[in-house]
Amino acid sequence: MNQQIPLPRPIDQVEIVRLKIPAGDRVPNNSDHPAVIARNVLAGAHDERAVRGLMEHNGWGHTWSWIVFDYHHFHPDAFEALAVARGSATLMLGGPQGETVEVKAGDVMILPPGFGHRRLAMRDGFLICGAYPPGQGNYTVVRDSSGYDDAMLRQIKAIAKPLTDPVWGDDGPLLRALLGCDEALP
């Protein structure tokens, strides 16, 4: 069965949240880039294949569908796009020192390298789809209990920035918010 790729809501109707969390003892987060969340950008639940198809269409690959791990972790070697296909969840973003965030079907976020995340609760058949910029699909999962060092901080800073927005493509507002281009945001 061929699923239609969901169209994002108009940019001027989407709330984009930036989340900047300082480094902690066990999770480095990212000193250069915030996590960004677009609220209800996909206007509710969609088939997981269609959500992954949207991100793939916009240049983000190595897609998957599952849940978020229930322990604090981060990826020092990849930007990660996460799109909620169905249900809702309570996530902790930014590691143990981070913030609790509610996400639901239609929300999309980008987590920069080193940014901690963990699932605290899930409801209504929660399913999230992940994707990565070209060359970052073979990412590493680091548990917060492993910590980080100066070499890992250098690795995080060296990761290539995404060239496209996983939802809108070339120059979308999620990408601009991630890269700090405030003047271009709606």
N, C-alpha and C. Protein backbone atom coordinates (compact mmCIF):
# COMPACT_ATOMS: atom_id res chain seq x y z
N MET A 1 0.83 -1.17 0.00
CA MET A 1 0.00 0.00 0.00
C MET A 1 0.89 1.25 0.00
N ASN A 2 0.64 2.18 -0.89
CA ASN A 2 1.43 3.38 -1.02
C ASN A 2 0.85 4.49 -0.16
N GLN A 3 1.61 5.00 0.79
CA GLN A 3 1.14 6.03 1.70
C GLN A 3 1.53 7.41 1.19
N GLN A 4 0.62 8.35 1.27
CA GLN A 4 0.88 9.71 0.85
C GLN A 4 1.73 10.42 1.89
N ILE A 5 2.76 11.13 1.43
CA ILE A 5 3.62 11.88 2.32
C ILE A 5 2.81 13.03 2.92
N PRO A 6 2.84 13.20 4.26
CA PRO A 6 2.07 14.28 4.87
C PRO A 6 2.65 15.65 4.52
N LEU A 7 1.78 16.61 4.30
CA LEU A 7 2.20 17.98 4.05
C LEU A 7 2.27 18.72 5.38
N PRO A 8 3.34 19.47 5.60
CA PRO A 8 3.41 20.24 6.84
C PRO A 8 2.41 21.39 6.82
N ARG A 9 1.98 21.79 8.00
CA ARG A 9 1.12 22.96 8.13
C ARG A 9 1.89 24.19 7.66
N PRO A 10 1.21 25.25 7.27
CA PRO A 10 1.89 26.49 6.88
C PRO A 10 2.80 26.99 8.00
N ILE A 11 3.95 27.49 7.63
CA ILE A 11 4.96 27.91 8.59
C ILE A 11 4.41 28.91 9.60
N ASP A 12 3.56 29.82 9.16
CA ASP A 12 3.05 30.84 10.07
C ASP A 12 2.03 30.29 11.08
N GLN A 13 1.67 29.01 10.95
CA GLN A 13 0.74 28.38 11.88
C GLN A 13 1.43 27.38 12.82
N VAL A 14 2.75 27.36 12.78
CA VAL A 14 3.50 26.37 13.54
C VAL A 14 4.31 27.06 14.64
N GLU A 15 4.19 26.53 15.86
CA GLU A 15 4.99 27.02 16.97
C GLU A 15 6.31 26.24 16.99
N ILE A 16 7.41 26.98 16.98
CA ILE A 16 8.72 26.34 17.07
C ILE A 16 9.36 26.76 18.38
N VAL A 17 9.78 25.75 19.15
CA VAL A 17 10.37 25.96 20.47
C VAL A 17 11.84 25.59 20.40
N ARG A 18 12.68 26.46 20.94
CA ARG A 18 14.11 26.16 21.08
C ARG A 18 14.38 25.79 22.53
N LEU A 19 15.18 24.78 22.73
CA LEU A 19 15.49 24.33 24.08
C LEU A 19 17.00 24.25 24.24
N LYS A 20 17.55 25.15 25.02
CA LYS A 20 18.99 25.19 25.27
C LYS A 20 19.21 24.76 26.71
N ILE A 21 19.93 23.66 26.88
CA ILE A 21 20.21 23.11 28.22
C ILE A 21 21.73 23.06 28.38
N PRO A 22 22.26 23.59 29.47
CA PRO A 22 23.71 23.54 29.68
C PRO A 22 24.20 22.10 29.89
N ALA A 23 25.48 21.93 29.70
CA ALA A 23 26.11 20.63 29.93
C ALA A 23 25.95 20.23 31.39
N GLY A 24 25.81 18.95 31.61
CA GLY A 24 25.77 18.40 32.95
C GLY A 24 26.97 17.48 33.17
N ASP A 25 27.00 16.84 34.30
CA ASP A 25 28.10 15.93 34.62
C ASP A 25 28.13 14.71 33.71
N ARG A 26 26.94 14.28 33.23
CA ARG A 26 26.87 13.02 32.48
C ARG A 26 26.39 13.18 31.04
N VAL A 27 25.79 14.33 30.72
CA VAL A 27 25.29 14.58 29.36
C VAL A 27 25.80 15.94 28.91
N PRO A 28 26.52 16.00 27.76
CA PRO A 28 27.12 17.27 27.34
C PRO A 28 26.15 18.26 26.71
N ASN A 29 25.04 17.77 26.15
CA ASN A 29 24.15 18.59 25.34
C ASN A 29 24.97 19.23 24.22
N ASN A 30 24.65 20.43 23.80
CA ASN A 30 25.37 21.02 22.67
C ASN A 30 25.49 22.52 22.93
N SER A 31 26.70 23.00 23.02
CA SER A 31 26.91 24.42 23.32
C SER A 31 26.64 25.31 22.12
N ASP A 32 26.60 24.75 20.91
CA ASP A 32 26.40 25.54 19.69
C ASP A 32 24.96 25.56 19.18
N HIS A 33 24.22 24.49 19.43
CA HIS A 33 22.88 24.36 18.85
C HIS A 33 21.86 23.91 19.90
N PRO A 34 20.66 24.50 19.87
CA PRO A 34 19.59 24.06 20.76
C PRO A 34 18.88 22.85 20.15
N ALA A 35 18.11 22.17 20.97
CA ALA A 35 17.11 21.24 20.42
C ALA A 35 15.97 22.12 19.94
N VAL A 36 15.31 21.72 18.86
CA VAL A 36 14.17 22.48 18.36
C VAL A 36 12.98 21.56 18.19
N ILE A 37 11.80 22.08 18.51
CA ILE A 37 10.56 21.31 18.43
C ILE A 37 9.54 22.12 17.66
N ALA A 38 8.96 21.53 16.63
CA ALA A 38 7.85 22.14 15.90
C ALA A 38 6.59 21.45 16.37
N ARG A 39 5.70 22.20 16.98
CA ARG A 39 4.47 21.66 17.55
C ARG A 39 3.40 21.44 16.48
N ASN A 40 2.89 20.22 16.41
CA ASN A 40 1.79 19.83 15.53
C ASN A 40 2.01 20.23 14.07
N VAL A 41 3.26 20.22 13.65
CA VAL A 41 3.59 20.60 12.28
C VAL A 41 2.95 19.66 11.25
N LEU A 42 2.75 18.40 11.63
CA LEU A 42 2.15 17.44 10.70
C LEU A 42 0.66 17.25 10.95
N ALA A 43 0.08 18.10 11.79
CA ALA A 43 -1.37 18.10 12.05
C ALA A 43 -1.91 16.73 12.44
N GLY A 44 -1.31 16.14 13.47
CA GLY A 44 -1.84 14.90 14.01
C GLY A 44 -1.14 13.65 13.52
N ALA A 45 -1.79 12.52 13.73
CA ALA A 45 -1.21 11.20 13.46
C ALA A 45 -1.15 10.91 11.96
N HIS A 46 -0.11 10.16 11.60
CA HIS A 46 0.08 9.71 10.21
C HIS A 46 0.70 8.33 10.22
N ASP A 47 0.56 7.63 9.13
CA ASP A 47 1.21 6.34 8.95
C ASP A 47 2.72 6.52 9.06
N GLU A 48 3.37 5.64 9.79
CA GLU A 48 4.82 5.76 10.01
C GLU A 48 5.60 5.77 8.70
N ARG A 49 5.18 5.00 7.71
CA ARG A 49 5.91 4.99 6.43
C ARG A 49 5.81 6.33 5.74
N ALA A 50 4.67 6.99 5.88
CA ALA A 50 4.50 8.31 5.27
C ALA A 50 5.37 9.36 5.97
N VAL A 51 5.46 9.30 7.30
CA VAL A 51 6.29 10.23 8.04
C VAL A 51 7.76 10.02 7.68
N ARG A 52 8.20 8.78 7.63
CA ARG A 52 9.58 8.51 7.24
C ARG A 52 9.81 8.95 5.80
N GLY A 53 8.82 8.76 4.95
CA GLY A 53 8.94 9.19 3.55
C GLY A 53 9.13 10.69 3.43
N LEU A 54 8.45 11.47 4.28
CA LEU A 54 8.62 12.92 4.28
C LEU A 54 10.07 13.28 4.60
N MET A 55 10.61 12.69 5.66
CA MET A 55 11.98 13.01 6.05
C MET A 55 12.97 12.56 4.98
N GLU A 56 12.76 11.39 4.42
CA GLU A 56 13.63 10.90 3.34
C GLU A 56 13.56 11.82 2.12
N HIS A 57 12.36 12.27 1.78
CA HIS A 57 12.16 13.19 0.66
C HIS A 57 12.96 14.47 0.86
N ASN A 58 13.14 14.86 2.12
CA ASN A 58 13.86 16.09 2.45
C ASN A 58 15.32 15.86 2.82
N GLY A 59 15.86 14.71 2.43
CA GLY A 59 17.30 14.48 2.56
C GLY A 59 17.77 13.87 3.86
N TRP A 60 16.86 13.41 4.72
CA TRP A 60 17.24 12.77 5.97
C TRP A 60 17.01 11.27 5.81
N GLY A 61 18.03 10.45 6.07
CA GLY A 61 17.91 9.02 5.82
C GLY A 61 18.08 8.17 7.05
N HIS A 62 18.33 6.89 6.79
CA HIS A 62 18.47 5.86 7.84
C HIS A 62 17.27 5.94 8.79
N THR A 63 16.08 6.05 8.22
CA THR A 63 14.87 6.22 9.03
C THR A 63 14.50 4.94 9.76
N TRP A 64 13.80 5.11 10.84
CA TRP A 64 13.31 4.00 11.66
C TRP A 64 12.02 4.42 12.34
N SER A 65 11.28 3.46 12.84
CA SER A 65 10.06 3.71 13.62
C SER A 65 10.13 2.85 14.87
N TRP A 66 9.94 3.48 16.03
CA TRP A 66 9.97 2.74 17.28
C TRP A 66 9.54 3.67 18.41
N ILE A 67 10.25 3.65 19.53
CA ILE A 67 10.01 4.54 20.66
C ILE A 67 11.34 5.17 21.04
N VAL A 68 11.35 6.01 22.04
CA VAL A 68 12.58 6.59 22.59
C VAL A 68 12.99 5.72 23.77
N PHE A 69 14.30 5.45 23.89
CA PHE A 69 14.78 4.66 25.03
C PHE A 69 14.32 5.26 26.35
N ASP A 70 14.15 4.41 27.36
CA ASP A 70 13.70 4.88 28.67
C ASP A 70 14.87 5.19 29.61
N TYR A 71 16.02 5.48 29.06
CA TYR A 71 17.19 5.91 29.84
C TYR A 71 17.83 7.10 29.15
N HIS A 72 18.49 7.94 29.93
CA HIS A 72 19.17 9.11 29.37
C HIS A 72 20.29 8.63 28.44
N HIS A 73 20.31 9.20 27.25
CA HIS A 73 21.35 8.86 26.28
C HIS A 73 21.51 10.03 25.31
N PHE A 74 22.58 9.97 24.53
CA PHE A 74 22.81 10.99 23.50
C PHE A 74 23.63 10.37 22.38
N HIS A 75 23.68 11.08 21.27
CA HIS A 75 24.45 10.65 20.10
C HIS A 75 25.52 11.71 19.83
N PRO A 76 26.80 11.40 20.07
CA PRO A 76 27.84 12.41 19.88
C PRO A 76 28.20 12.64 18.42
N ASP A 77 27.66 11.82 17.54
CA ASP A 77 28.10 11.83 16.15
C ASP A 77 26.96 12.01 15.14
N ALA A 78 25.83 12.60 15.58
CA ALA A 78 24.71 12.78 14.65
C ALA A 78 23.70 13.80 15.15
N PHE A 79 23.14 14.54 14.20
CA PHE A 79 21.90 15.27 14.43
C PHE A 79 20.79 14.25 14.25
N GLU A 80 19.73 14.33 15.05
CA GLU A 80 18.64 13.36 14.98
C GLU A 80 17.31 14.09 14.86
N ALA A 81 16.55 13.76 13.82
CA ALA A 81 15.18 14.26 13.68
C ALA A 81 14.25 13.19 14.23
N LEU A 82 13.29 13.61 15.04
CA LEU A 82 12.31 12.70 15.62
C LEU A 82 10.92 13.27 15.34
N ALA A 83 10.09 12.48 14.66
CA ALA A 83 8.73 12.90 14.32
C ALA A 83 7.74 11.93 14.96
N VAL A 84 6.80 12.45 15.75
CA VAL A 84 5.83 11.60 16.41
C VAL A 84 4.74 11.23 15.40
N ALA A 85 4.66 9.95 15.07
CA ALA A 85 3.67 9.46 14.09
C ALA A 85 2.31 9.25 14.75
N ARG A 86 2.31 8.74 16.00
CA ARG A 86 1.04 8.54 16.70
C ARG A 86 1.26 8.52 18.20
N GLY A 87 0.17 8.76 18.92
CA GLY A 87 0.22 8.75 20.38
C GLY A 87 0.89 9.98 20.95
N SER A 88 1.30 9.86 22.20
CA SER A 88 1.97 10.96 22.88
C SER A 88 2.95 10.38 23.89
N ALA A 89 3.84 11.24 24.36
CA ALA A 89 4.85 10.80 25.33
C ALA A 89 5.33 11.97 26.15
N THR A 90 5.88 11.64 27.31
CA THR A 90 6.59 12.59 28.13
C THR A 90 8.06 12.25 27.99
N LEU A 91 8.84 13.21 27.51
CA LEU A 91 10.27 13.02 27.32
C LEU A 91 11.03 13.95 28.25
N MET A 92 12.23 13.54 28.62
CA MET A 92 13.15 14.40 29.34
C MET A 92 14.24 14.74 28.32
N LEU A 93 14.33 16.02 27.95
CA LEU A 93 15.33 16.46 26.99
C LEU A 93 16.42 17.22 27.71
N GLY A 94 17.67 16.92 27.38
CA GLY A 94 18.80 17.61 28.00
C GLY A 94 19.46 16.85 29.12
N GLY A 95 19.15 15.58 29.28
CA GLY A 95 19.77 14.77 30.33
C GLY A 95 19.11 14.98 31.68
N PRO A 96 19.73 14.44 32.75
CA PRO A 96 19.14 14.56 34.09
C PRO A 96 18.91 16.00 34.51
N GLN A 97 19.69 16.93 33.99
CA GLN A 97 19.54 18.35 34.31
C GLN A 97 18.58 19.05 33.37
N GLY A 98 17.93 18.29 32.48
CA GLY A 98 17.11 18.86 31.43
C GLY A 98 15.70 19.23 31.82
N GLU A 99 14.85 19.28 30.79
CA GLU A 99 13.46 19.67 30.96
C GLU A 99 12.52 18.56 30.49
N THR A 100 11.39 18.45 31.17
CA THR A 100 10.35 17.52 30.77
C THR A 100 9.52 18.18 29.67
N VAL A 101 9.28 17.43 28.59
CA VAL A 101 8.56 17.95 27.43
C VAL A 101 7.49 16.94 27.03
N GLU A 102 6.29 17.45 26.78
CA GLU A 102 5.21 16.61 26.26
C GLU A 102 5.23 16.68 24.74
N VAL A 103 5.19 15.53 24.07
CA VAL A 103 5.12 15.50 22.61
C VAL A 103 3.92 14.64 22.21
N LYS A 104 3.36 14.96 21.05
CA LYS A 104 2.19 14.21 20.57
C LYS A 104 2.27 14.09 19.05
N ALA A 105 1.40 13.25 18.51
CA ALA A 105 1.37 13.01 17.08
C ALA A 105 1.34 14.34 16.33
N GLY A 106 2.24 14.47 15.36
CA GLY A 106 2.35 15.68 14.57
C GLY A 106 3.52 16.55 14.96
N ASP A 107 4.10 16.34 16.15
CA ASP A 107 5.27 17.11 16.58
C ASP A 107 6.53 16.55 15.93
N VAL A 108 7.46 17.44 15.60
CA VAL A 108 8.75 17.04 15.03
C VAL A 108 9.83 17.82 15.75
N MET A 109 10.94 17.15 16.07
CA MET A 109 12.06 17.82 16.72
C MET A 109 13.37 17.43 16.08
N ILE A 110 14.36 18.29 16.25
CA ILE A 110 15.74 17.97 15.88
C ILE A 110 16.57 18.11 17.14
N LEU A 111 17.32 17.05 17.44
CA LEU A 111 18.24 17.07 18.56
C LEU A 111 19.66 17.13 18.00
N PRO A 112 20.45 18.12 18.42
CA PRO A 112 21.83 18.20 17.92
C PRO A 112 22.71 17.15 18.58
N PRO A 113 23.90 16.91 18.04
CA PRO A 113 24.82 15.94 18.65
C PRO A 113 25.06 16.28 20.12
N GLY A 114 25.07 15.24 20.95
CA GLY A 114 25.33 15.40 22.37
C GLY A 114 24.13 15.73 23.22
N PHE A 115 22.97 16.00 22.58
CA PHE A 115 21.80 16.43 23.34
C PHE A 115 21.09 15.22 23.94
N GLY A 116 20.98 15.19 25.26
CA GLY A 116 20.39 14.06 25.96
C GLY A 116 18.89 13.96 25.75
N HIS A 117 18.39 12.73 25.76
CA HIS A 117 16.95 12.49 25.68
C HIS A 117 16.61 11.14 26.31
N ARG A 118 15.36 11.08 26.82
CA ARG A 118 14.88 9.89 27.51
C ARG A 118 13.35 9.93 27.51
N ARG A 119 12.74 8.77 27.40
CA ARG A 119 11.28 8.65 27.52
C ARG A 119 10.93 8.38 28.97
N LEU A 120 10.01 9.18 29.50
CA LEU A 120 9.52 8.98 30.86
C LEU A 120 8.20 8.23 30.88
N ALA A 121 7.35 8.51 29.88
CA ALA A 121 6.03 7.86 29.79
C ALA A 121 5.57 7.91 28.35
N MET A 122 4.67 6.97 27.99
CA MET A 122 4.09 7.00 26.64
C MET A 122 2.63 6.58 26.74
N ARG A 123 1.83 7.09 25.79
CA ARG A 123 0.39 6.86 25.79
C ARG A 123 -0.12 6.66 24.37
N ASP A 124 -1.27 6.01 24.27
CA ASP A 124 -2.04 5.92 23.02
C ASP A 124 -1.24 5.36 21.85
N GLY A 125 -0.45 4.32 22.09
CA GLY A 125 0.29 3.68 21.01
C GLY A 125 1.42 4.53 20.47
N PHE A 126 2.09 5.26 21.35
CA PHE A 126 3.19 6.15 20.96
C PHE A 126 4.14 5.46 19.98
N LEU A 127 4.42 6.16 18.88
CA LEU A 127 5.37 5.70 17.88
C LEU A 127 6.08 6.93 17.31
N ILE A 128 7.39 6.87 17.29
CA ILE A 128 8.18 7.99 16.78
C ILE A 128 9.05 7.50 15.64
N CYS A 129 9.32 8.38 14.68
CA CYS A 129 10.15 8.06 13.53
C CYS A 129 11.42 8.90 13.61
N GLY A 130 12.56 8.25 13.44
CA GLY A 130 13.84 8.94 13.49
C GLY A 130 14.50 9.00 12.13
N ALA A 131 15.36 10.00 11.94
CA ALA A 131 16.10 10.17 10.68
C ALA A 131 17.35 11.00 10.95
N TYR A 132 18.31 10.91 10.01
CA TYR A 132 19.61 11.54 10.17
C TYR A 132 20.07 12.17 8.87
N PRO A 133 20.88 13.24 8.95
CA PRO A 133 21.44 13.82 7.74
C PRO A 133 22.37 12.83 7.04
N PRO A 134 22.66 13.05 5.77
CA PRO A 134 23.57 12.15 5.05
C PRO A 134 24.90 11.97 5.80
N GLY A 135 25.36 10.72 5.86
CA GLY A 135 26.62 10.40 6.51
C GLY A 135 26.55 10.25 8.02
N GLN A 136 25.37 10.43 8.62
CA GLN A 136 25.26 10.36 10.08
C GLN A 136 24.36 9.22 10.54
N GLY A 137 23.99 8.32 9.64
CA GLY A 137 23.08 7.24 9.98
C GLY A 137 23.71 6.13 10.81
N ASN A 138 25.02 6.07 10.86
CA ASN A 138 25.70 5.05 11.65
C ASN A 138 26.14 5.68 12.98
N TYR A 139 25.17 6.14 13.74
CA TYR A 139 25.42 6.91 14.95
C TYR A 139 25.72 6.01 16.15
N THR A 140 26.26 6.63 17.18
CA THR A 140 26.59 5.96 18.44
C THR A 140 25.58 6.35 19.50
N VAL A 141 25.17 5.39 20.31
CA VAL A 141 24.31 5.67 21.46
C VAL A 141 25.19 5.62 22.71
N VAL A 142 25.22 6.73 23.44
CA VAL A 142 26.01 6.81 24.68
C VAL A 142 25.04 7.01 25.84
N ARG A 143 25.05 6.09 26.78
CA ARG A 143 24.23 6.24 27.99
C ARG A 143 24.86 7.29 28.89
N ASP A 144 24.02 7.98 29.63
CA ASP A 144 24.55 9.02 30.52
C ASP A 144 25.51 8.45 31.55
N SER A 145 25.34 7.19 31.93
CA SER A 145 26.24 6.57 32.91
C SER A 145 27.67 6.45 32.38
N SER A 146 27.86 6.53 31.07
CA SER A 146 29.20 6.47 30.48
C SER A 146 29.89 7.82 30.53
N GLY A 147 29.11 8.89 30.63
CA GLY A 147 29.69 10.23 30.68
C GLY A 147 30.32 10.64 29.36
N TYR A 148 31.15 11.68 29.43
CA TYR A 148 31.81 12.19 28.24
C TYR A 148 33.12 12.85 28.65
N ASP A 149 33.99 13.08 27.67
CA ASP A 149 35.27 13.71 27.93
C ASP A 149 35.55 14.78 26.87
N ASP A 150 36.72 15.38 26.93
CA ASP A 150 37.07 16.45 25.99
C ASP A 150 37.10 15.95 24.54
N ALA A 151 37.55 14.73 24.33
CA ALA A 151 37.58 14.18 22.97
C ALA A 151 36.16 14.08 22.41
N MET A 152 35.20 13.67 23.22
CA MET A 152 33.82 13.57 22.76
C MET A 152 33.25 14.97 22.48
N LEU A 153 33.61 15.95 23.30
CA LEU A 153 33.16 17.32 23.05
C LEU A 153 33.70 17.83 21.71
N ARG A 154 34.94 17.51 21.39
CA ARG A 154 35.51 17.89 20.09
C ARG A 154 34.77 17.18 18.96
N GLN A 155 34.43 15.91 19.16
CA GLN A 155 33.67 15.16 18.16
C GLN A 155 32.31 15.81 17.92
N ILE A 156 31.62 16.18 18.98
CA ILE A 156 30.30 16.82 18.87
C ILE A 156 30.40 18.10 18.04
N LYS A 157 31.40 18.92 18.31
CA LYS A 157 31.56 20.18 17.58
C LYS A 157 31.91 19.97 16.11
N ALA A 158 32.52 18.84 15.78
CA ALA A 158 32.98 18.59 14.41
C ALA A 158 31.91 18.00 13.49
N ILE A 159 30.77 17.61 14.03
CA ILE A 159 29.74 16.98 13.21
C ILE A 159 29.16 17.99 12.22
N ALA A 160 29.06 17.58 10.96
CA ALA A 160 28.55 18.46 9.91
C ALA A 160 27.09 18.85 10.18
N LYS A 161 26.79 20.12 9.99
CA LYS A 161 25.42 20.61 10.18
C LYS A 161 24.53 20.09 9.05
N PRO A 162 23.27 19.84 9.35
CA PRO A 162 22.34 19.41 8.29
C PRO A 162 22.21 20.50 7.23
N LEU A 163 21.97 20.08 6.00
CA LEU A 163 21.81 21.03 4.90
C LEU A 163 20.34 21.27 4.56
N THR A 164 19.47 20.42 5.10
CA THR A 164 18.04 20.57 4.81
C THR A 164 17.23 20.39 6.09
N ASP A 165 16.02 20.88 6.04
CA ASP A 165 15.04 20.74 7.12
C ASP A 165 14.31 19.42 6.88
N PRO A 166 14.15 18.56 7.89
CA PRO A 166 13.51 17.27 7.67
C PRO A 166 12.02 17.36 7.31
N VAL A 167 11.40 18.50 7.55
CA VAL A 167 9.97 18.67 7.26
C VAL A 167 9.75 19.51 6.02
N TRP A 168 10.41 20.67 5.93
CA TRP A 168 10.15 21.61 4.84
C TRP A 168 11.17 21.56 3.72
N GLY A 169 12.27 20.85 3.90
CA GLY A 169 13.27 20.76 2.84
C GLY A 169 14.36 21.80 2.96
N ASP A 170 14.68 22.43 1.83
CA ASP A 170 15.87 23.27 1.71
C ASP A 170 16.14 24.23 2.87
N ASP A 171 15.27 25.19 3.11
CA ASP A 171 15.56 26.24 4.08
C ASP A 171 14.39 26.39 5.05
N GLY A 172 13.96 25.31 5.65
CA GLY A 172 12.80 25.35 6.52
C GLY A 172 13.09 25.95 7.88
N PRO A 173 12.04 26.29 8.62
CA PRO A 173 12.19 26.96 9.91
C PRO A 173 12.80 26.10 11.01
N LEU A 174 12.64 24.78 10.96
CA LEU A 174 13.30 23.94 11.96
C LEU A 174 14.81 24.04 11.81
N LEU A 175 15.28 23.98 10.56
CA LEU A 175 16.71 24.09 10.29
C LEU A 175 17.22 25.47 10.70
N ARG A 176 16.49 26.51 10.36
CA ARG A 176 16.92 27.87 10.72
C ARG A 176 16.96 28.04 12.24
N ALA A 177 15.98 27.49 12.94
CA ALA A 177 15.97 27.58 14.41
C ALA A 177 17.16 26.82 15.00
N LEU A 178 17.46 25.67 14.45
CA LEU A 178 18.59 24.86 14.91
C LEU A 178 19.90 25.60 14.73
N LEU A 179 20.06 26.25 13.58
CA LEU A 179 21.33 26.90 13.24
C LEU A 179 21.41 28.33 13.76
N GLY A 180 20.33 28.82 14.41
CA GLY A 180 20.38 30.13 15.03
C GLY A 180 20.12 31.29 14.09
N CYS A 181 19.36 31.06 13.03
CA CYS A 181 19.06 32.11 12.06
C CYS A 181 17.76 32.79 12.44
N ASP A 182 17.75 33.51 13.55
CA ASP A 182 16.54 34.12 14.10
C ASP A 182 15.81 35.01 13.12
N GLU A 183 16.54 35.81 12.38
CA GLU A 183 15.89 36.79 11.51
C GLU A 183 15.08 36.14 10.41
N ALA A 184 15.34 34.88 10.08
CA ALA A 184 14.63 34.21 8.99
C ALA A 184 13.38 33.49 9.47
N LEU A 185 13.18 33.40 10.77
CA LEU A 185 12.04 32.66 11.29
C LEU A 185 10.75 33.45 11.15
N PRO A 186 9.63 32.74 10.97
CA PRO A 186 8.34 33.45 10.85
C PRO A 186 7.98 34.12 12.17
